[in-house]
């Protein structure tokens, strides 16, 4: 599998779990995202989300 094949595969996966609200904004469910990233249980993914939130908060300061 070459780089382009891998990229296309993952784009499709993320498109498959994408949600779009009535205003056309795209968003993803953390619970579904954790499955795509092969976390065995959602609770193992929660700390990753929390670290990402903290990182974003620091960038805004």
Protein backbone atom coordinates (compact mmCIF):
# COMPACT_ATOMS: atom_id res chain seq x y z
CA UNK A 1 0.00 0.00 0.00
CA UNK A 2 1.53 3.32 -1.01
CA UNK A 3 1.24 6.66 0.77
CA UNK A 4 -1.66 7.83 -1.41
CA UNK A 5 -3.64 4.62 -0.77
CA UNK A 6 -3.15 4.99 2.97
CA UNK A 7 -4.15 8.65 2.88
CA UNK A 8 -7.30 7.87 0.88
CA UNK A 9 -8.22 5.05 3.26
CA UNK A 10 -8.01 7.28 6.32
CA UNK A 11 -9.82 10.16 4.65
CA UNK A 12 -12.68 7.77 3.93
CA UNK A 13 -12.71 6.52 7.52
CA UNK A 14 -12.89 10.06 8.90
CA UNK A 15 -15.52 11.03 6.35
CA UNK A 16 -17.58 7.98 7.34
CA UNK A 17 -17.76 9.07 11.00
CA UNK A 18 -18.14 12.80 10.28
CA UNK A 19 -21.26 14.58 11.51
CA UNK A 20 -22.57 17.77 9.90
CA UNK A 21 -24.89 20.13 11.75
CA UNK A 22 -27.68 22.20 10.20
CA UNK A 23 -25.25 25.09 9.55
CA UNK A 24 -22.92 22.78 7.63
CA UNK A 25 -20.26 22.61 10.35
CA UNK A 26 -18.35 19.34 10.47
CA UNK A 27 -17.60 17.62 13.77
CA UNK A 28 -16.67 14.20 15.07
CA UNK A 29 -17.79 12.24 18.11
CA UNK A 30 -14.91 11.54 20.48
CA UNK A 31 -16.42 8.13 21.19
CA UNK A 32 -16.45 7.20 17.48
CA UNK A 33 -13.02 8.78 16.97
CA UNK A 34 -11.58 6.60 19.75
CA UNK A 35 -12.73 3.47 17.91
CA UNK A 36 -11.04 4.61 14.68
CA UNK A 37 -7.82 5.11 16.65
CA UNK A 38 -8.14 1.56 18.05
CA UNK A 39 -8.62 2.41 21.71
CA UNK A 40 -10.02 -0.69 23.37
CA UNK A 41 -12.32 1.38 25.59
CA UNK A 42 -13.47 4.98 25.44
CA UNK A 43 -12.26 5.60 28.99
CA UNK A 44 -8.68 5.11 27.78
CA UNK A 45 -9.21 7.86 25.20
CA UNK A 46 -10.64 10.44 27.63
CA UNK A 47 -7.19 11.45 29.01
CA UNK A 48 -6.04 12.10 25.44
CA UNK A 49 -8.98 14.43 24.88
CA UNK A 50 -8.30 16.20 28.18
CA UNK A 51 -4.63 16.75 27.25
CA UNK A 52 -5.70 18.16 23.89
CA UNK A 53 -8.13 20.54 25.61
CA UNK A 54 -5.40 21.77 27.96
CA UNK A 55 -3.04 22.28 25.05
CA UNK A 56 -5.62 24.38 23.20
CA UNK A 57 -6.31 26.45 26.32
CA UNK A 58 -2.58 27.19 26.70
CA UNK A 59 -2.35 28.26 23.06
CA UNK A 60 -5.19 30.75 23.59
CA UNK A 61 -3.45 32.42 26.54
